[in-house]
Amino acid sequence: MKNLFIALICMISVNSFAQTEPKDHKIVFQFTNANDTLQQKAFVKQLENLTEHWPNAKYEVVLYNQGLELVMKNNTKYQSRLQALKSKGVKFVVCENTLKNRKISKDAFPEILVEYTPAGIAEIVEKQEQGWSYIKGGY
């Protein structure tokens, strides 16, 4: 009888673990240093690895200050990889305050790759308030 009770407890425990819902991950990245090509390389690889590991998660990359260079038209080194990430659902969001401060036109960015936000830092704060995890991109 004791063995039957233990077996029943084990079955209930295993069954409750099996019914656990997968977590809906939402991750917002800050990327501010694309002048360093090693940072660009590391960050793109981080995104590729993570989207492979959690293909159904939500991802948003907020770019401001020197981070804009990663997604600019003239940076052709990563364009195809960034497009592949976008096709997996990664959003690349450029800060309009940075555009204004650095006197950069929206024409400098591929239309099909980026979106815009008035204030990059505010975008990150709002995502965190909505339960998104924050990660600083690069190293």
N, C-alpha and C. Protein backbone atom coordinates (compact mmCIF):
# COMPACT_ATOMS: atom_id res chain seq x y z
N MET A 1 0.82 -1.19 0.00
CA MET A 1 0.00 0.00 0.00
C MET A 1 0.87 1.27 0.00
N LYS A 2 1.95 1.22 0.77
CA LYS A 2 2.87 2.35 0.84
C LYS A 2 3.47 2.62 -0.54
N ASN A 3 3.86 1.56 -1.28
CA ASN A 3 4.43 1.71 -2.62
C ASN A 3 3.41 2.30 -3.59
N LEU A 4 2.16 1.91 -3.47
CA LEU A 4 1.10 2.45 -4.32
C LEU A 4 0.92 3.95 -4.07
N PHE A 5 0.98 4.35 -2.81
CA PHE A 5 0.85 5.75 -2.46
C PHE A 5 2.01 6.57 -3.06
N ILE A 6 3.23 6.05 -2.94
CA ILE A 6 4.40 6.73 -3.49
C ILE A 6 4.29 6.83 -5.01
N ALA A 7 3.86 5.76 -5.66
CA ALA A 7 3.69 5.77 -7.12
C ALA A 7 2.65 6.81 -7.53
N LEU A 8 1.56 6.90 -6.78
CA LEU A 8 0.50 7.87 -7.07
C LEU A 8 1.03 9.30 -6.94
N ILE A 9 1.79 9.57 -5.92
CA ILE A 9 2.38 10.91 -5.71
C ILE A 9 3.30 11.24 -6.87
N CYS A 10 4.13 10.29 -7.28
CA CYS A 10 5.06 10.51 -8.41
C CYS A 10 4.29 10.81 -9.69
N MET A 11 3.22 10.10 -9.93
CA MET A 11 2.41 10.31 -11.14
C MET A 11 1.78 11.70 -11.14
N ILE A 12 1.30 12.11 -10.01
CA ILE A 12 0.69 13.45 -9.90
C ILE A 12 1.75 14.52 -10.14
N SER A 13 2.94 14.35 -9.55
CA SER A 13 4.03 15.31 -9.73
C SER A 13 4.46 15.40 -11.18
N VAL A 14 4.65 14.26 -11.84
CA VAL A 14 5.07 14.24 -13.24
C VAL A 14 3.99 14.86 -14.11
N ASN A 15 2.76 14.56 -13.84
CA ASN A 15 1.65 15.11 -14.63
C ASN A 15 1.56 16.62 -14.48
N SER A 16 1.77 17.14 -13.28
CA SER A 16 1.68 18.59 -13.10
C SER A 16 2.84 19.30 -13.79
N PHE A 17 4.03 18.69 -13.84
CA PHE A 17 5.14 19.28 -14.57
C PHE A 17 4.88 19.26 -16.07
N ALA A 18 4.28 18.20 -16.56
CA ALA A 18 4.00 18.06 -17.99
C ALA A 18 2.99 19.09 -18.47
N GLN A 19 2.13 19.56 -17.60
CA GLN A 19 1.09 20.50 -17.99
C GLN A 19 1.51 21.95 -17.83
N THR A 20 2.74 22.19 -17.41
CA THR A 20 3.21 23.56 -17.25
C THR A 20 3.26 24.26 -18.61
N GLU A 21 2.66 25.41 -18.68
CA GLU A 21 2.64 26.18 -19.93
C GLU A 21 4.01 26.79 -20.19
N PRO A 22 4.44 26.81 -21.45
CA PRO A 22 5.71 27.47 -21.76
C PRO A 22 5.58 28.98 -21.53
N LYS A 23 6.65 29.59 -21.09
CA LYS A 23 6.64 31.03 -20.82
C LYS A 23 6.71 31.81 -22.12
N ASP A 24 5.92 32.86 -22.20
CA ASP A 24 5.96 33.76 -23.35
C ASP A 24 7.03 34.81 -23.07
N HIS A 25 8.20 34.63 -23.63
CA HIS A 25 9.30 35.56 -23.40
C HIS A 25 9.13 36.80 -24.26
N LYS A 26 9.40 37.96 -23.64
CA LYS A 26 9.40 39.24 -24.33
C LYS A 26 10.68 39.94 -23.90
N ILE A 27 11.53 40.24 -24.89
CA ILE A 27 12.85 40.78 -24.57
C ILE A 27 13.09 42.06 -25.35
N VAL A 28 13.46 43.11 -24.63
CA VAL A 28 13.82 44.37 -25.26
C VAL A 28 15.33 44.57 -25.07
N PHE A 29 16.01 44.84 -26.17
CA PHE A 29 17.45 45.05 -26.16
C PHE A 29 17.76 46.53 -26.34
N GLN A 30 18.77 46.99 -25.65
CA GLN A 30 19.33 48.32 -25.87
C GLN A 30 20.62 48.11 -26.65
N PHE A 31 20.76 48.82 -27.76
CA PHE A 31 22.02 48.75 -28.50
C PHE A 31 22.47 50.16 -28.81
N THR A 32 23.63 50.53 -28.27
CA THR A 32 24.09 51.91 -28.37
C THR A 32 25.52 52.06 -28.87
N ASN A 33 26.17 50.95 -29.26
CA ASN A 33 27.58 51.06 -29.64
C ASN A 33 27.89 50.28 -30.90
N ALA A 34 27.36 50.71 -32.02
CA ALA A 34 27.62 50.01 -33.27
C ALA A 34 28.86 50.52 -33.97
N ASN A 35 29.52 51.55 -33.45
CA ASN A 35 30.77 52.00 -34.05
C ASN A 35 31.85 50.94 -33.91
N ASP A 36 31.72 50.11 -32.90
CA ASP A 36 32.66 49.02 -32.66
C ASP A 36 32.17 47.81 -33.45
N THR A 37 32.87 47.43 -34.50
CA THR A 37 32.42 46.33 -35.36
C THR A 37 32.39 44.99 -34.62
N LEU A 38 33.21 44.83 -33.60
CA LEU A 38 33.14 43.61 -32.80
C LEU A 38 31.85 43.56 -32.00
N GLN A 39 31.38 44.73 -31.55
CA GLN A 39 30.08 44.80 -30.86
C GLN A 39 28.96 44.40 -31.82
N GLN A 40 29.02 44.91 -33.04
CA GLN A 40 28.01 44.57 -34.03
C GLN A 40 27.97 43.06 -34.26
N LYS A 41 29.14 42.50 -34.50
CA LYS A 41 29.25 41.06 -34.77
C LYS A 41 28.70 40.24 -33.60
N ALA A 42 29.10 40.59 -32.39
CA ALA A 42 28.65 39.86 -31.20
C ALA A 42 27.14 39.99 -31.02
N PHE A 43 26.61 41.19 -31.22
CA PHE A 43 25.18 41.41 -30.99
C PHE A 43 24.32 40.67 -32.01
N VAL A 44 24.69 40.71 -33.27
CA VAL A 44 23.93 40.00 -34.30
C VAL A 44 23.93 38.51 -33.99
N LYS A 45 25.07 37.98 -33.58
CA LYS A 45 25.15 36.56 -33.23
C LYS A 45 24.29 36.24 -32.01
N GLN A 46 24.27 37.14 -31.02
CA GLN A 46 23.42 36.93 -29.84
C GLN A 46 21.95 36.84 -30.25
N LEU A 47 21.53 37.73 -31.13
CA LEU A 47 20.14 37.71 -31.60
C LEU A 47 19.84 36.42 -32.36
N GLU A 48 20.75 36.01 -33.21
CA GLU A 48 20.54 34.77 -33.97
C GLU A 48 20.43 33.57 -33.03
N ASN A 49 21.32 33.51 -32.06
CA ASN A 49 21.28 32.39 -31.10
C ASN A 49 19.98 32.38 -30.31
N LEU A 50 19.56 33.54 -29.84
CA LEU A 50 18.37 33.61 -29.01
C LEU A 50 17.10 33.31 -29.79
N THR A 51 17.02 33.82 -31.03
CA THR A 51 15.83 33.54 -31.83
C THR A 51 15.78 32.06 -32.23
N GLU A 52 16.92 31.43 -32.28
CA GLU A 52 16.96 29.97 -32.53
C GLU A 52 16.48 29.22 -31.28
N HIS A 53 16.91 29.67 -30.11
CA HIS A 53 16.56 29.02 -28.85
C HIS A 53 15.09 29.22 -28.49
N TRP A 54 14.60 30.44 -28.65
CA TRP A 54 13.19 30.78 -28.36
C TRP A 54 12.56 31.36 -29.62
N PRO A 55 12.18 30.55 -30.58
CA PRO A 55 11.64 31.08 -31.83
C PRO A 55 10.30 31.80 -31.69
N ASN A 56 9.56 31.56 -30.62
CA ASN A 56 8.25 32.18 -30.46
C ASN A 56 8.25 33.39 -29.53
N ALA A 57 9.41 33.78 -29.06
CA ALA A 57 9.50 34.94 -28.17
C ALA A 57 9.30 36.23 -28.97
N LYS A 58 9.03 37.31 -28.26
CA LYS A 58 8.94 38.64 -28.87
C LYS A 58 10.26 39.35 -28.60
N TYR A 59 10.79 39.99 -29.64
CA TYR A 59 12.08 40.68 -29.54
C TYR A 59 11.95 42.09 -30.09
N GLU A 60 12.51 43.05 -29.36
CA GLU A 60 12.61 44.42 -29.86
C GLU A 60 14.00 44.95 -29.54
N VAL A 61 14.65 45.51 -30.55
CA VAL A 61 15.98 46.11 -30.39
C VAL A 61 15.79 47.62 -30.52
N VAL A 62 16.10 48.35 -29.45
CA VAL A 62 16.02 49.80 -29.46
C VAL A 62 17.43 50.33 -29.67
N LEU A 63 17.59 51.11 -30.77
CA LEU A 63 18.90 51.62 -31.13
C LEU A 63 18.92 53.13 -30.96
N TYR A 64 19.92 53.61 -30.25
CA TYR A 64 20.11 55.06 -30.11
C TYR A 64 21.59 55.36 -29.92
N ASN A 65 21.91 56.65 -29.84
CA ASN A 65 23.30 57.11 -29.79
C ASN A 65 24.09 56.48 -30.93
N GLN A 66 25.21 55.83 -30.64
CA GLN A 66 26.05 55.25 -31.67
C GLN A 66 25.55 53.89 -32.16
N GLY A 67 24.42 53.45 -31.67
CA GLY A 67 23.87 52.17 -32.09
C GLY A 67 23.23 52.18 -33.46
N LEU A 68 22.91 53.37 -33.95
CA LEU A 68 22.21 53.48 -35.23
C LEU A 68 22.99 52.87 -36.39
N GLU A 69 24.30 52.95 -36.31
CA GLU A 69 25.13 52.47 -37.43
C GLU A 69 24.85 51.03 -37.81
N LEU A 70 24.43 50.22 -36.87
CA LEU A 70 24.16 48.81 -37.17
C LEU A 70 23.10 48.64 -38.25
N VAL A 71 22.08 49.49 -38.24
CA VAL A 71 20.94 49.32 -39.15
C VAL A 71 20.91 50.32 -40.30
N MET A 72 21.97 51.10 -40.45
CA MET A 72 22.00 52.08 -41.54
C MET A 72 22.25 51.39 -42.89
N LYS A 73 21.74 51.99 -43.96
CA LYS A 73 21.90 51.44 -45.31
C LYS A 73 23.36 51.21 -45.69
N ASN A 74 24.23 52.13 -45.27
CA ASN A 74 25.64 52.03 -45.67
C ASN A 74 26.40 50.92 -44.94
N ASN A 75 25.79 50.30 -43.95
CA ASN A 75 26.42 49.18 -43.25
C ASN A 75 25.87 47.89 -43.86
N THR A 76 26.43 47.50 -44.99
CA THR A 76 25.92 46.36 -45.74
C THR A 76 26.37 45.01 -45.18
N LYS A 77 27.32 45.03 -44.28
CA LYS A 77 27.88 43.78 -43.76
C LYS A 77 26.83 42.89 -43.10
N TYR A 78 25.86 43.47 -42.40
CA TYR A 78 24.89 42.68 -41.64
C TYR A 78 23.46 42.77 -42.18
N GLN A 79 23.26 43.47 -43.29
CA GLN A 79 21.89 43.69 -43.78
C GLN A 79 21.11 42.41 -44.00
N SER A 80 21.71 41.41 -44.63
CA SER A 80 20.96 40.17 -44.90
C SER A 80 20.64 39.43 -43.61
N ARG A 81 21.57 39.45 -42.66
CA ARG A 81 21.32 38.78 -41.38
C ARG A 81 20.27 39.51 -40.57
N LEU A 82 20.29 40.85 -40.63
CA LEU A 82 19.28 41.63 -39.92
C LEU A 82 17.89 41.41 -40.55
N GLN A 83 17.85 41.32 -41.87
CA GLN A 83 16.58 41.05 -42.56
C GLN A 83 16.04 39.68 -42.16
N ALA A 84 16.93 38.70 -42.04
CA ALA A 84 16.51 37.36 -41.62
C ALA A 84 15.96 37.40 -40.20
N LEU A 85 16.58 38.19 -39.33
CA LEU A 85 16.08 38.34 -37.97
C LEU A 85 14.72 39.03 -37.96
N LYS A 86 14.58 40.05 -38.80
CA LYS A 86 13.28 40.74 -38.90
C LYS A 86 12.20 39.76 -39.36
N SER A 87 12.54 38.89 -40.31
CA SER A 87 11.55 37.92 -40.79
C SER A 87 11.17 36.92 -39.70
N LYS A 88 12.01 36.80 -38.66
CA LYS A 88 11.68 35.96 -37.51
C LYS A 88 10.89 36.73 -36.45
N GLY A 89 10.62 38.01 -36.73
CA GLY A 89 9.82 38.81 -35.80
C GLY A 89 10.58 39.81 -34.96
N VAL A 90 11.89 39.92 -35.14
CA VAL A 90 12.67 40.90 -34.37
C VAL A 90 12.36 42.29 -34.91
N LYS A 91 11.99 43.20 -34.01
CA LYS A 91 11.74 44.60 -34.39
C LYS A 91 12.99 45.42 -34.10
N PHE A 92 13.38 46.24 -35.06
CA PHE A 92 14.50 47.17 -34.89
C PHE A 92 13.91 48.58 -34.83
N VAL A 93 14.04 49.24 -33.68
CA VAL A 93 13.40 50.52 -33.44
C VAL A 93 14.46 51.59 -33.21
N VAL A 94 14.43 52.62 -34.04
CA VAL A 94 15.41 53.70 -34.01
C VAL A 94 14.84 54.90 -33.25
N CYS A 95 15.66 55.51 -32.43
CA CYS A 95 15.28 56.67 -31.62
C CYS A 95 15.31 57.95 -32.46
N GLU A 96 14.17 58.63 -32.53
CA GLU A 96 14.08 59.88 -33.29
C GLU A 96 14.84 61.02 -32.62
N ASN A 97 14.96 61.00 -31.28
CA ASN A 97 15.77 62.02 -30.62
C ASN A 97 17.23 61.94 -31.09
N THR A 98 17.74 60.73 -31.24
CA THR A 98 19.10 60.55 -31.73
C THR A 98 19.22 61.06 -33.16
N LEU A 99 18.21 60.76 -33.98
CA LEU A 99 18.24 61.26 -35.37
C LEU A 99 18.36 62.78 -35.37
N LYS A 100 17.55 63.43 -34.56
CA LYS A 100 17.55 64.89 -34.49
C LYS A 100 18.90 65.42 -33.98
N ASN A 101 19.39 64.83 -32.89
CA ASN A 101 20.64 65.29 -32.29
C ASN A 101 21.85 65.06 -33.19
N ARG A 102 21.83 63.98 -33.95
CA ARG A 102 22.96 63.66 -34.83
C ARG A 102 22.73 64.15 -36.26
N LYS A 103 21.59 64.78 -36.48
CA LYS A 103 21.23 65.32 -37.80
C LYS A 103 21.30 64.22 -38.88
N ILE A 104 20.62 63.11 -38.59
CA ILE A 104 20.56 61.98 -39.52
C ILE A 104 19.12 61.88 -40.04
N SER A 105 19.00 61.72 -41.34
CA SER A 105 17.69 61.59 -41.97
C SER A 105 17.22 60.13 -41.91
N LYS A 106 15.92 59.96 -41.92
CA LYS A 106 15.35 58.61 -41.98
C LYS A 106 15.70 57.91 -43.29
N ASP A 107 16.10 58.69 -44.29
CA ASP A 107 16.53 58.11 -45.56
C ASP A 107 17.79 57.26 -45.42
N ALA A 108 18.50 57.40 -44.31
CA ALA A 108 19.73 56.65 -44.10
C ALA A 108 19.48 55.19 -43.69
N PHE A 109 18.20 54.84 -43.52
CA PHE A 109 17.84 53.52 -43.03
C PHE A 109 16.97 52.77 -44.03
N PRO A 110 17.13 51.47 -44.14
CA PRO A 110 16.25 50.69 -45.02
C PRO A 110 14.82 50.72 -44.48
N GLU A 111 13.90 51.19 -45.29
CA GLU A 111 12.50 51.29 -44.88
C GLU A 111 11.94 49.97 -44.37
N ILE A 112 12.31 48.91 -45.02
CA ILE A 112 11.73 47.61 -44.68
C ILE A 112 12.33 46.99 -43.41
N LEU A 113 13.36 47.60 -42.85
CA LEU A 113 14.02 47.02 -41.68
C LEU A 113 13.64 47.69 -40.37
N VAL A 114 13.54 49.02 -40.36
CA VAL A 114 13.42 49.73 -39.08
C VAL A 114 12.05 50.37 -38.88
N GLU A 115 11.77 50.58 -37.59
CA GLU A 115 10.63 51.39 -37.15
C GLU A 115 11.21 52.51 -36.30
N TYR A 116 10.38 53.43 -35.86
CA TYR A 116 10.88 54.59 -35.12
C TYR A 116 10.09 54.79 -33.83
N THR A 117 10.77 55.37 -32.86
CA THR A 117 10.15 55.75 -31.60
C THR A 117 10.64 57.16 -31.27
N PRO A 118 9.80 58.00 -30.66
CA PRO A 118 10.25 59.36 -30.34
C PRO A 118 11.46 59.39 -29.39
N ALA A 119 11.49 58.48 -28.40
CA ALA A 119 12.56 58.49 -27.40
C ALA A 119 12.95 57.05 -27.07
N GLY A 120 14.17 56.67 -27.41
CA GLY A 120 14.63 55.29 -27.22
C GLY A 120 14.59 54.82 -25.78
N ILE A 121 15.09 55.63 -24.87
CA ILE A 121 15.11 55.23 -23.46
C ILE A 121 13.68 55.07 -22.94
N ALA A 122 12.80 55.98 -23.31
CA ALA A 122 11.39 55.87 -22.89
C ALA A 122 10.77 54.58 -23.43
N GLU A 123 11.12 54.21 -24.64
CA GLU A 123 10.62 52.96 -25.23
C GLU A 123 11.03 51.76 -24.38
N ILE A 124 12.28 51.74 -23.95
CA ILE A 124 12.78 50.65 -23.11
C ILE A 124 12.05 50.62 -21.77
N VAL A 125 11.89 51.78 -21.16
CA VAL A 125 11.20 51.87 -19.87
C VAL A 125 9.76 51.35 -19.99
N GLU A 126 9.07 51.78 -21.05
CA GLU A 126 7.68 51.34 -21.24
C GLU A 126 7.60 49.83 -21.44
N LYS A 127 8.54 49.26 -22.18
CA LYS A 127 8.55 47.80 -22.37
C LYS A 127 8.77 47.10 -21.03
N GLN A 128 9.68 47.61 -20.22
CA GLN A 128 9.93 47.00 -18.91
C GLN A 128 8.68 47.09 -18.04
N GLU A 129 7.99 48.21 -18.11
CA GLU A 129 6.75 48.36 -17.33
C GLU A 129 5.68 47.37 -17.78
N GLN A 130 5.77 46.92 -19.02
CA GLN A 130 4.82 45.94 -19.57
C GLN A 130 5.29 44.50 -19.34
N GLY A 131 6.39 44.33 -18.60
CA GLY A 131 6.86 43.00 -18.26
C GLY A 131 7.93 42.43 -19.16
N TRP A 132 8.47 43.24 -20.06
CA TRP A 132 9.53 42.77 -20.95
C TRP A 132 10.84 42.68 -20.16
N SER A 133 11.68 41.71 -20.49
CA SER A 133 13.01 41.59 -19.91
C SER A 133 13.95 42.54 -20.68
N TYR A 134 14.86 43.16 -19.95
CA TYR A 134 15.80 44.11 -20.56
C TYR A 134 17.18 43.47 -20.68
N ILE A 135 17.79 43.60 -21.86
CA ILE A 135 19.15 43.12 -22.08
C ILE A 135 19.93 44.21 -22.81
N LYS A 136 21.14 44.49 -22.33
CA LYS A 136 22.04 45.40 -23.05
C LYS A 136 22.73 44.58 -24.12
N GLY A 137 22.55 44.95 -25.38
CA GLY A 137 23.13 44.20 -26.50
C GLY A 137 24.61 44.43 -26.63
N GLY A 138 25.28 43.45 -27.15
CA GLY A 138 26.73 43.52 -27.32
C GLY A 138 27.42 42.89 -26.14
N TYR A 139 28.55 43.46 -25.77
CA TYR A 139 29.28 42.94 -24.61
C TYR A 139 29.82 44.07 -23.79
